[in-house]
PDB file of all heavy atoms in Angstrom:
ATOM      1  N   TRP A   1     139.943-137.011 -93.650  1.00  0.00           N
ATOM      2  CA  TRP A   1     139.255-137.157 -92.372  1.00  0.00           C
ATOM      3  C   TRP A   1     139.238-138.619 -92.002  1.00  0.00           C
ATOM      4  O   TRP A   1     139.022-139.469 -92.885  1.00  0.00           O
ATOM      5  CB  TRP A   1     137.818-136.620 -92.455  1.00  0.00           C
ATOM      6  CG  TRP A   1     137.262-136.308 -91.106  1.00  0.00           C
ATOM      7  CD1 TRP A   1     137.386-135.122 -90.412  1.00  0.00           C
ATOM      8  CD2 TRP A   1     136.534-137.193 -90.257  1.00  0.00           C
ATOM      9  NE1 TRP A   1     136.787-135.224 -89.199  1.00  0.00           N
ATOM     10  CE2 TRP A   1     136.243-136.495 -89.072  1.00  0.00           C
ATOM     11  CE3 TRP A   1     136.103-138.508 -90.382  1.00  0.00           C
ATOM     12  CZ2 TRP A   1     135.551-137.056 -88.026  1.00  0.00           C
ATOM     13  CZ3 TRP A   1     135.411-139.084 -89.334  1.00  0.00           C
ATOM     14  CH2 TRP A   1     135.133-138.363 -88.171  1.00  0.00           C
ATOM     15  N   PRO A   2     139.493-138.997 -90.732  1.00  0.00           N
ATOM     16  CA  PRO A   2     139.789-138.143 -89.579  1.00  0.00           C
ATOM     17  C   PRO A   2     141.059-137.306 -89.762  1.00  0.00           C
ATOM     18  O   PRO A   2     141.853-137.551 -90.655  1.00  0.00           O
ATOM     19  CB  PRO A   2     139.963-139.142 -88.439  1.00  0.00           C
ATOM     20  CG  PRO A   2     139.247-140.382 -88.873  1.00  0.00           C
ATOM     21  CD  PRO A   2     139.419-140.429 -90.338  1.00  0.00           C
ATOM     22  N   GLN A   3     141.216-136.319 -88.900  1.00  0.00           N
ATOM     23  CA  GLN A   3     142.348-135.414 -88.981  1.00  0.00           C
ATOM     24  C   GLN A   3     143.657-136.186 -88.848  1.00  0.00           C
ATOM     25  O   GLN A   3     143.826-136.995 -87.938  1.00  0.00           O
ATOM     26  CB  GLN A   3     142.247-134.372 -87.863  1.00  0.00           C
ATOM     27  CG  GLN A   3     143.407-133.393 -87.825  1.00  0.00           C
ATOM     28  CD  GLN A   3     143.185-132.303 -86.798  1.00  0.00           C
ATOM     29  OE1 GLN A   3     142.082-131.804 -86.659  1.00  0.00           O
ATOM     30  NE2 GLN A   3     144.238-131.932 -86.075  1.00  0.00           N
ATOM     31  N   PRO A   4     144.587-135.970 -89.753  1.00  0.00           N
ATOM     32  CA  PRO A   4     145.892-136.635 -89.633  1.00  0.00           C
ATOM     33  C   PRO A   4     146.550-136.295 -88.291  1.00  0.00           C
ATOM     34  O   PRO A   4     146.427-135.181 -87.779  1.00  0.00           O
ATOM     35  CB  PRO A   4     146.687-136.056 -90.801  1.00  0.00           C
ATOM     36  CG  PRO A   4     145.655-135.625 -91.797  1.00  0.00           C
ATOM     37  CD  PRO A   4     144.492-135.139 -90.982  1.00  0.00           C
ATOM     38  N   GLY A   5     147.235-137.278 -87.716  1.00  0.00           N
ATOM     39  CA  GLY A   5     147.961-137.047 -86.468  1.00  0.00           C
ATOM     40  C   GLY A   5     147.237-137.492 -85.219  1.00  0.00           C
ATOM     41  O   GLY A   5     147.817-137.434 -84.124  1.00  0.00           O
ATOM     42  N   VAL A   6     145.969-137.949 -85.341  1.00  0.00           N
ATOM     43  CA  VAL A   6     145.283-138.435 -84.144  1.00  0.00           C
ATOM     44  C   VAL A   6     145.543-139.929 -83.981  1.00  0.00           C
ATOM     45  O   VAL A   6     145.802-140.645 -84.952  1.00  0.00           O
ATOM     46  CB  VAL A   6     143.762-138.171 -84.198  1.00  0.00           C
ATOM     47  CG1 VAL A   6     143.473-136.690 -84.318  1.00  0.00           C
ATOM     48  CG2 VAL A   6     143.103-138.955 -85.327  1.00  0.00           C
ATOM     49  N   THR A   7     145.492-140.383 -82.747  1.00  0.00           N
ATOM     50  CA  THR A   7     145.715-141.787 -82.410  1.00  0.00           C
ATOM     51  C   THR A   7     144.619-142.255 -81.471  1.00  0.00           C
ATOM     52  O   THR A   7     144.261-141.544 -80.522  1.00  0.00           O
ATOM     53  CB  THR A   7     147.081-141.964 -81.719  1.00  0.00           C
ATOM     54  OG1 THR A   7     148.121-141.496 -82.588  1.00  0.00           O
ATOM     55  CG2 THR A   7     147.327-143.428 -81.369  1.00  0.00           C
ATOM     56  N   HIS A   8     144.088-143.446 -81.725  1.00  0.00           N
ATOM     57  CA  HIS A   8     143.118-144.022 -80.800  1.00  0.00           C
ATOM     58  C   HIS A   8     143.845-144.529 -79.553  1.00  0.00           C
ATOM     59  O   HIS A   8     144.815-145.273 -79.653  1.00  0.00           O
ATOM     60  CB  HIS A   8     142.344-145.163 -81.460  1.00  0.00           C
ATOM     61  CG  HIS A   8     141.176-144.691 -82.276  1.00  0.00           C
ATOM     62  ND1 HIS A   8     141.283-144.315 -83.596  1.00  0.00           N
ATOM     63  CD2 HIS A   8     139.865-144.529 -81.939  1.00  0.00           C
ATOM     64  CE1 HIS A   8     140.103-143.949 -84.061  1.00  0.00           C
ATOM     65  NE2 HIS A   8     139.225-144.054 -83.076  1.00  0.00           N
ATOM     66  N   ARG A   9     143.354-144.108 -78.411  1.00  0.00           N
ATOM     67  CA  ARG A   9     143.951-144.485 -77.132  1.00  0.00           C
ATOM     68  C   ARG A   9     142.870-144.949 -76.164  1.00  0.00           C
ATOM     69  O   ARG A   9     141.795-144.346 -76.092  1.00  0.00           O
ATOM     70  CB  ARG A   9     144.685-143.291 -76.503  1.00  0.00           C
ATOM     71  CG  ARG A   9     145.837-142.731 -77.327  1.00  0.00           C
ATOM     72  CD  ARG A   9     146.404-141.488 -76.647  1.00  0.00           C
ATOM     73  NE  ARG A   9     147.626-141.015 -77.274  1.00  0.00           N
ATOM     74  CZ  ARG A   9     147.660-140.131 -78.274  1.00  0.00           C
ATOM     75  NH1 ARG A   9     146.528-139.642 -78.756  1.00  0.00           N
ATOM     76  NH2 ARG A   9     148.820-139.748 -78.777  1.00  0.00           N
ATOM     77  N   ARG A  10     143.163-145.995 -75.415  1.00  0.00           N
ATOM     78  CA  ARG A  10     142.259-146.406 -74.347  1.00  0.00           C
ATOM     79  C   ARG A  10     142.271-145.385 -73.209  1.00  0.00           C
ATOM     80  O   ARG A  10     143.334-144.982 -72.744  1.00  0.00           O
ATOM     81  CB  ARG A  10     142.671-147.757 -73.774  1.00  0.00           C
ATOM     82  CG  ARG A  10     142.244-148.975 -74.550  1.00  0.00           C
ATOM     83  CD  ARG A  10     142.446-150.217 -73.689  1.00  0.00           C
ATOM     84  NE  ARG A  10     142.172-151.441 -74.413  1.00  0.00           N
ATOM     85  CZ  ARG A  10     142.070-152.632 -73.846  1.00  0.00           C
ATOM     86  NH1 ARG A  10     142.259-152.740 -72.522  1.00  0.00           N
ATOM     87  NH2 ARG A  10     141.817-153.711 -74.561  1.00  0.00           N
ATOM     88  N   VAL A  11     141.075-145.012 -72.766  1.00  0.00           N
ATOM     89  CA  VAL A  11     140.933-144.251 -71.525  1.00  0.00           C
ATOM     90  C   VAL A  11     139.920-145.032 -70.687  1.00  0.00           C
ATOM     91  O   VAL A  11     138.795-145.278 -71.135  1.00  0.00           O
ATOM     92  CB  VAL A  11     140.452-142.814 -71.775  1.00  0.00           C
ATOM     93  CG1 VAL A  11     140.556-141.996 -70.492  1.00  0.00           C
ATOM     94  CG2 VAL A  11     141.257-142.144 -72.887  1.00  0.00           C
ATOM     95  N   TYR A  12     140.322-145.437 -69.467  1.00  0.00           N
ATOM     96  CA  TYR A  12     139.559-146.412 -68.697  1.00  0.00           C
ATOM     97  C   TYR A  12     138.524-145.748 -67.796  1.00  0.00           C
ATOM     98  O   TYR A  12     138.754-144.670 -67.234  1.00  0.00           O
ATOM     99  CB  TYR A  12     140.497-147.256 -67.839  1.00  0.00           C
ATOM    100  CG  TYR A  12     141.419-148.142 -68.643  1.00  0.00           C
ATOM    101  CD1 TYR A  12     142.663-147.669 -69.064  1.00  0.00           C
ATOM    102  CD2 TYR A  12     141.050-149.435 -68.981  1.00  0.00           C
ATOM    103  CE1 TYR A  12     143.523-148.474 -69.807  1.00  0.00           C
ATOM    104  CE2 TYR A  12     141.900-150.249 -69.720  1.00  0.00           C
ATOM    105  CZ  TYR A  12     143.128-149.768 -70.133  1.00  0.00           C
ATOM    106  OH  TYR A  12     143.973-150.566 -70.865  1.00  0.00           O
ATOM    107  N   LEU A  13     137.388-146.432 -67.627  1.00  0.00           N
ATOM    108  CA  LEU A  13     136.363-146.005 -66.687  1.00  0.00           C
ATOM    109  C   LEU A  13     136.738-146.491 -65.291  1.00  0.00           C
ATOM    110  O   LEU A  13     137.065-147.668 -65.097  1.00  0.00           O
ATOM    111  CB  LEU A  13     135.000-146.573 -67.087  1.00  0.00           C
ATOM    112  CG  LEU A  13     134.197-145.839 -68.171  1.00  0.00           C
ATOM    113  CD1 LEU A  13     134.967-145.714 -69.471  1.00  0.00           C
ATOM    114  CD2 LEU A  13     132.851-146.536 -68.407  1.00  0.00           C
ATOM    115  N   SER A  14     136.689-145.582 -64.335  1.00  0.00           N
ATOM    116  CA  SER A  14     137.044-145.897 -62.948  1.00  0.00           C
ATOM    117  C   SER A  14     135.935-145.404 -62.027  1.00  0.00           C
ATOM    118  O   SER A  14     135.312-144.361 -62.283  1.00  0.00           O
ATOM    119  CB  SER A  14     138.366-145.213 -62.579  1.00  0.00           C
ATOM    120  OG  SER A  14     138.592-145.255 -61.175  1.00  0.00           O
ATOM    121  N   ALA A  15     135.697-146.140 -60.960  1.00  0.00           N
ATOM    122  CA  ALA A  15     134.684-145.732 -59.981  1.00  0.00           C
ATOM    123  C   ALA A  15     135.166-144.599 -59.092  1.00  0.00           C
ATOM    124  O   ALA A  15     134.351-143.930 -58.435  1.00  0.00           O
ATOM    125  CB  ALA A  15     134.285-146.929 -59.117  1.00  0.00           C
ATOM    126  N   ASP A  16     136.465-144.333 -59.057  1.00  0.00           N
ATOM    127  CA  ASP A  16     136.996-143.275 -58.199  1.00  0.00           C
ATOM    128  C   ASP A  16     136.425-141.923 -58.605  1.00  0.00           C
ATOM    129  O   ASP A  16     136.331-141.607 -59.795  1.00  0.00           O
ATOM    130  CB  ASP A  16     138.519-143.232 -58.291  1.00  0.00           C
ATOM    131  CG  ASP A  16     139.163-144.500 -57.756  1.00  0.00           C
ATOM    132  OD1 ASP A  16     138.504-145.213 -56.983  1.00  0.00           O
ATOM    133  OD2 ASP A  16     140.321-144.780 -58.141  1.00  0.00           O
ATOM    134  N   PRO A  17     136.048-141.096 -57.647  1.00  0.00           N
ATOM    135  CA  PRO A  17     135.429-139.805 -57.979  1.00  0.00           C
ATOM    136  C   PRO A  17     136.401-138.859 -58.676  1.00  0.00           C
ATOM    137  O   PRO A  17     137.589-138.805 -58.348  1.00  0.00           O
ATOM    138  CB  PRO A  17     134.999-139.261 -56.618  1.00  0.00           C
ATOM    139  CG  PRO A  17     135.870-139.957 -55.628  1.00  0.00           C
ATOM    140  CD  PRO A  17     136.146-141.318 -56.191  1.00  0.00           C
ATOM    141  N   SER A  18     135.866-138.119 -59.634  1.00  0.00           N
ATOM    142  CA  SER A  18     136.673-137.115 -60.327  1.00  0.00           C
ATOM    143  C   SER A  18     136.593-135.769 -59.623  1.00  0.00           C
ATOM    144  O   SER A  18     137.438-134.899 -59.839  1.00  0.00           O
ATOM    145  CB  SER A  18     136.176-136.951 -61.770  1.00  0.00           C
ATOM    146  OG  SER A  18     134.904-136.311 -61.805  1.00  0.00           O
ATOM    147  N   GLY A  19     135.551-135.585 -58.806  1.00  0.00           N
ATOM    148  CA  GLY A  19     135.358-134.302 -58.134  1.00  0.00           C
ATOM    149  C   GLY A  19     134.873-133.208 -59.051  1.00  0.00           C
ATOM    150  O   GLY A  19     134.875-132.033 -58.675  1.00  0.00           O
ATOM    151  N   SER A  20     134.410-133.568 -60.256  1.00  0.00           N
ATOM    152  CA  SER A  20     134.017-132.552 -61.242  1.00  0.00           C
ATOM    153  C   SER A  20     132.521-132.313 -61.277  1.00  0.00           C
ATOM    154  O   SER A  20     132.057-131.408 -61.979  1.00  0.00           O
ATOM    155  CB  SER A  20     134.482-132.984 -62.635  1.00  0.00           C
ATOM    156  OG  SER A  20     133.844-134.183 -63.030  1.00  0.00           O
ATOM    157  N   THR A  21     131.720-133.108 -60.563  1.00  0.00           N
ATOM    158  CA  THR A  21     130.268-132.936 -60.619  1.00  0.00           C
ATOM    159  C   THR A  21     129.622-133.418 -59.328  1.00  0.00           C
ATOM    160  O   THR A  21     130.106-134.361 -58.685  1.00  0.00           O
ATOM    161  CB  THR A  21     129.660-133.709 -61.807  1.00  0.00           C
ATOM    162  OG1 THR A  21     128.241-133.533 -61.805  1.00  0.00           O
ATOM    163  CG2 THR A  21     129.984-135.196 -61.725  1.00  0.00           C
ATOM    164  N   GLU A  22     128.543-132.759 -58.974  1.00  0.00           N
ATOM    165  CA  GLU A  22     127.687-133.211 -57.877  1.00  0.00           C
ATOM    166  C   GLU A  22     126.296-133.557 -58.399  1.00  0.00           C
ATOM    167  O   GLU A  22     125.380-133.819 -57.622  1.00  0.00           O
ATOM    168  CB  GLU A  22     127.582-132.119 -56.804  1.00  0.00           C
ATOM    169  CG  GLU A  22     128.912-131.786 -56.140  1.00  0.00           C
ATOM    170  CD  GLU A  22     128.782-130.671 -55.112  1.00  0.00           C
ATOM    171  OE1 GLU A  22     127.669-130.090 -55.030  1.00  0.00           O
ATOM    172  OE2 GLU A  22     129.769-130.388 -54.404  1.00  0.00           O
ATOM    173  N   ASP A  23     126.139-133.530 -59.732  1.00  0.00           N
ATOM    174  CA  ASP A  23     124.817-133.700 -60.325  1.00  0.00           C
ATOM    175  C   ASP A  23     124.534-135.117 -60.784  1.00  0.00           C
ATOM    176  O   ASP A  23     123.373-135.485 -60.985  1.00  0.00           O
ATOM    177  CB  ASP A  23     124.663-132.756 -61.530  1.00  0.00           C
ATOM    178  CG  ASP A  23     124.766-131.295 -61.142  1.00  0.00           C
ATOM    179  OD1 ASP A  23     123.984-130.877 -60.273  1.00  0.00           O
ATOM    180  OD2 ASP A  23     125.620-130.586 -61.699  1.00  0.00           O
ATOM    181  N   SER A  24     125.557-135.932 -60.994  1.00  0.00           N
ATOM    182  CA  SER A  24     125.328-137.238 -61.612  1.00  0.00           C
ATOM    183  C   SER A  24     124.948-138.301 -60.591  1.00  0.00           C
ATOM    184  O   SER A  24     125.162-138.143 -59.378  1.00  0.00           O
ATOM    185  CB  SER A  24     126.570-137.678 -62.378  1.00  0.00           C
ATOM    186  OG  SER A  24     127.653-137.921 -61.513  1.00  0.00           O
ATOM    187  N   LEU A  25     124.398-139.410 -61.112  1.00  0.00           N
ATOM    188  CA  LEU A  25     124.061-140.549 -60.271  1.00  0.00           C
ATOM    189  C   LEU A  25     125.307-141.102 -59.580  1.00  0.00           C
ATOM    190  O   LEU A  25     125.276-141.483 -58.412  1.00  0.00           O
ATOM    191  CB  LEU A  25     123.398-141.631 -61.137  1.00  0.00           C
ATOM    192  CG  LEU A  25     122.908-142.890 -60.448  1.00  0.00           C
ATOM    193  CD1 LEU A  25     121.778-142.568 -59.473  1.00  0.00           C
ATOM    194  CD2 LEU A  25     122.437-143.909 -61.487  1.00  0.00           C
ATOM    195  N   HIS A  26     126.423-141.139 -60.328  1.00  0.00           N
ATOM    196  CA  HIS A  26     127.710-141.519 -59.742  1.00  0.00           C
ATOM    197  C   HIS A  26     128.807-140.750 -60.455  1.00  0.00           C
ATOM    198  O   HIS A  26     128.871-140.736 -61.682  1.00  0.00           O
ATOM    199  CB  HIS A  26     127.973-143.018 -59.879  1.00  0.00           C
ATOM    200  CG  HIS A  26     129.320-143.418 -59.331  1.00  0.00           C
ATOM    201  ND1 HIS A  26     129.512-143.748 -58.003  1.00  0.00           N
ATOM    202  CD2 HIS A  26     130.544-143.507 -59.928  1.00  0.00           C
ATOM    203  CE1 HIS A  26     130.785-144.024 -57.801  1.00  0.00           C
ATOM    204  NE2 HIS A  26     131.438-143.890 -58.950  1.00  0.00           N
ATOM    205  N   ASP A  27     129.671-140.112 -59.701  1.00  0.00           N
ATOM    206  CA  ASP A  27     130.812-139.365 -60.241  1.00  0.00           C
ATOM    207  C   ASP A  27     132.025-140.278 -60.282  1.00  0.00           C
ATOM    208  O   ASP A  27     132.668-140.521 -59.263  1.00  0.00           O
ATOM    209  CB  ASP A  27     131.088-138.133 -59.369  1.00  0.00           C
ATOM    210  CG  ASP A  27     132.400-137.447 -59.734  1.00  0.00           C
ATOM    211  OD1 ASP A  27     132.790-137.537 -60.920  1.00  0.00           O
ATOM    212  OD2 ASP A  27     133.031-136.844 -58.834  1.00  0.00           O
ATOM    213  N   GLY A  28     132.327-140.802 -61.482  1.00  0.00           N
ATOM    214  CA  GLY A  28     133.513-141.626 -61.665  1.00  0.00           C
ATOM    215  C   GLY A  28     134.571-140.898 -62.465  1.00  0.00           C
ATOM    216  O   GLY A  28     134.406-139.734 -62.839  1.00  0.00           O
ATOM    217  N   SER A  29     135.664-141.580 -62.742  1.00  0.00           N
ATOM    218  CA  SER A  29     136.805-140.962 -63.418  1.00  0.00           C
ATOM    219  C   SER A  29     137.112-141.657 -64.735  1.00  0.00           C
ATOM    220  O   SER A  29     136.782-142.829 -64.952  1.00  0.00           O
ATOM    221  CB  SER A  29     138.055-141.030 -62.530  1.00  0.00           C
ATOM    222  OG  SER A  29     137.859-140.344 -61.319  1.00  0.00           O
ATOM    223  N   LEU A  30     137.779-140.915 -65.613  1.00  0.00           N
ATOM    224  CA  LEU A  30     138.446-141.468 -66.794  1.00  0.00           C
ATOM    225  C   LEU A  30     139.936-141.400 -66.532  1.00  0.00           C
ATOM    226  O   LEU A  30     140.459-140.322 -66.197  1.00  0.00           O
ATOM    227  CB  LEU A  30     138.102-140.661 -68.051  1.00  0.00           C
ATOM    228  CG  LEU A  30     136.746-140.886 -68.718  1.00  0.00           C
ATOM    229  CD1 LEU A  30     136.626-139.998 -69.944  1.00  0.00           C
ATOM    230  CD2 LEU A  30     136.551-142.340 -69.101  1.00  0.00           C
ATOM    231  N   ARG A  31     140.623-142.530 -66.724  1.00  0.00           N
ATOM    232  CA  ARG A  31     142.044-142.568 -66.395  1.00  0.00           C
ATOM    233  C   ARG A  31     142.830-143.315 -67.467  1.00  0.00           C
ATOM    234  O   ARG A  31     142.283-144.193 -68.145  1.00  0.00           O
ATOM    235  CB  ARG A  31     142.248-143.264 -65.048  1.00  0.00           C
ATOM    236  CG  ARG A  31     141.649-142.485 -63.885  1.00  0.00           C
ATOM    237  CD  ARG A  31     142.003-143.101 -62.560  1.00  0.00           C
ATOM    238  NE  ARG A  31     141.626-142.228 -61.451  1.00  0.00           N
ATOM    239  CZ  ARG A  31     141.833-142.513 -60.179  1.00  0.00           C
ATOM    240  NH1 ARG A  31     142.421-143.651 -59.839  1.00  0.00           N
ATOM    241  NH2 ARG A  31     141.472-141.660 -59.233  1.00  0.00           N
ATOM    242  N   PRO A  32     144.104-142.985 -67.625  1.00  0.00           N
ATOM    243  CA  PRO A  32     144.922-143.675 -68.623  1.00  0.00           C
ATOM    244  C   PRO A  32     145.281-145.101 -68.221  1.00  0.00           C
ATOM    245  O   PRO A  32     145.801-145.858 -69.049  1.00  0.00           O
ATOM    246  CB  PRO A  32     146.172-142.800 -68.725  1.00  0.00           C
ATOM    247  CG  PRO A  32     146.237-142.049 -67.432  1.00  0.00           C
ATOM    248  CD  PRO A  32     144.823-141.850 -66.994  1.00  0.00           C
ATOM    249  N   THR A  33     145.015-145.482 -66.976  1.00  0.00           N
ATOM    250  CA  THR A  33     145.297-146.857 -66.524  1.00  0.00           C
ATOM    251  C   THR A  33     144.013-147.482 -66.000  1.00  0.00           C
ATOM    252  O   THR A  33     143.087-146.777 -65.560  1.00  0.00           O
ATOM    253  CB  THR A  33     146.355-146.870 -65.410  1.00  0.00           C
ATOM    254  OG1 THR A  33     145.914-146.039 -64.320  1.00  0.00           O
ATOM    255  CG2 THR A  33     147.689-146.356 -65.941  1.00  0.00           C
ATOM    256  N   GLY A  34     143.957-148.819 -66.031  1.00  0.00           N
ATOM    257  CA  GLY A  34     142.755-149.542 -65.642  1.00  0.00           C
ATOM    258  C   GLY A  34     142.510-149.545 -64.149  1.00  0.00           C
ATOM    259  O   GLY A  34     143.377-149.150 -63.355  1.00  0.00           O
ATOM    260  N   PRO A  35     141.324-150.011 -63.726  1.00  0.00           N
ATOM    261  CA  PRO A  35     140.981-150.040 -62.297  1.00  0.00           C
ATOM    262  C   PRO A  35     141.821-151.072 -61.555  1.00  0.00           C
ATOM    263  O   PRO A  35     142.316-152.049 -62.135  1.00  0.00           O
ATOM    264  CB  PRO A  35     139.498-150.439 -62.308  1.00  0.00           C
ATOM    265  CG  PRO A  35     139.324-151.202 -63.584  1.00  0.00           C
ATOM    266  CD  PRO A  35     140.242-150.556 -64.581  1.00  0.00           C
ATOM    267  N   GLY A  36     141.961-150.880 -60.267  1.00  0.00           N
ATOM    268  CA  GLY A  36     142.767-151.796 -59.469  1.00  0.00           C
ATOM    269  C   GLY A  36     141.969-152.896 -58.821  1.00  0.00           C
ATOM    270  O   GLY A  36     142.536-153.880 -58.345  1.00  0.00           O
ATOM    271  N   ALA A  37     140.642-152.739 -58.767  1.00  0.00           N
ATOM    272  CA  ALA A  37     139.797-153.743 -58.124  1.00  0.00           C
ATOM    273  C   ALA A  37     138.457-153.795 -58.841  1.00  0.00           C
ATOM    274  O   ALA A  37     138.084-152.873 -59.575  1.00  0.00           O
ATOM    275  CB  ALA A  37     139.591-153.393 -56.649  1.00  0.00           C
ATOM    276  N   VAL A  38     137.709-154.878 -58.627  1.00  0.00           N
ATOM    277  CA  VAL A  38     136.398-155.046 -59.253  1.00  0.00           C
ATOM    278  C   VAL A  38     135.361-154.221 -58.496  1.00  0.00           C
ATOM    279  O   VAL A  38     135.257-154.307 -57.269  1.00  0.00           O
ATOM    280  CB  VAL A  38     135.981-156.528 -59.263  1.00  0.00           C
ATOM    281  CG1 VAL A  38     134.573-156.679 -59.832  1.00  0.00           C
ATOM    282  CG2 VAL A  38     136.969-157.358 -60.058  1.00  0.00           C
ATOM    283  N   GLU A  39     134.625-153.419 -59.235  1.00  0.00           N
ATOM    284  CA  GLU A  39     133.515-152.659 -58.665  1.00  0.00           C
ATOM    285  C   GLU A  39     132.374-152.666 -59.669  1.00  0.00           C
ATOM    286  O   GLU A  39     132.589-152.756 -60.882  1.00  0.00           O
ATOM    287  CB  GLU A  39     133.925-151.219 -58.353  1.00  0.00           C
ATOM    288  CG  GLU A  39     134.985-151.098 -57.270  1.00  0.00           C
ATOM    289  CD  GLU A  39     135.143-149.669 -56.776  1.00  0.00           C
ATOM    290  OE1 GLU A  39     134.135-149.098 -56.341  1.00  0.00           O
ATOM    291  OE2 GLU A  39     136.267-149.144 -56.847  1.00  0.00           O
ATOM    292  N   SER A  40     131.140-152.544 -59.178  1.00  0.00           N
ATOM    293  CA  SER A  40     129.960-152.492 -60.045  1.00  0.00           C
ATOM    294  C   SER A  40     129.147-151.250 -59.711  1.00  0.00           C
ATOM    295  O   SER A  40     128.917-150.941 -58.528  1.00  0.00           O
ATOM    296  CB  SER A  40     129.099-153.747 -59.869  1.00  0.00           C
ATOM    297  OG  SER A  40     129.778-154.896 -60.338  1.00  0.00           O
TER     298      SER A  40
END
């Protein structure tokens, strides 16, 4: 353990909406590439 064959990969936090929830304070995305602009 950990299970053989797994790899640590970056997944970036993005402010762009994922469209998966209407319940959160802010609906952002997880993406394989970084954000294009500065947002807070």
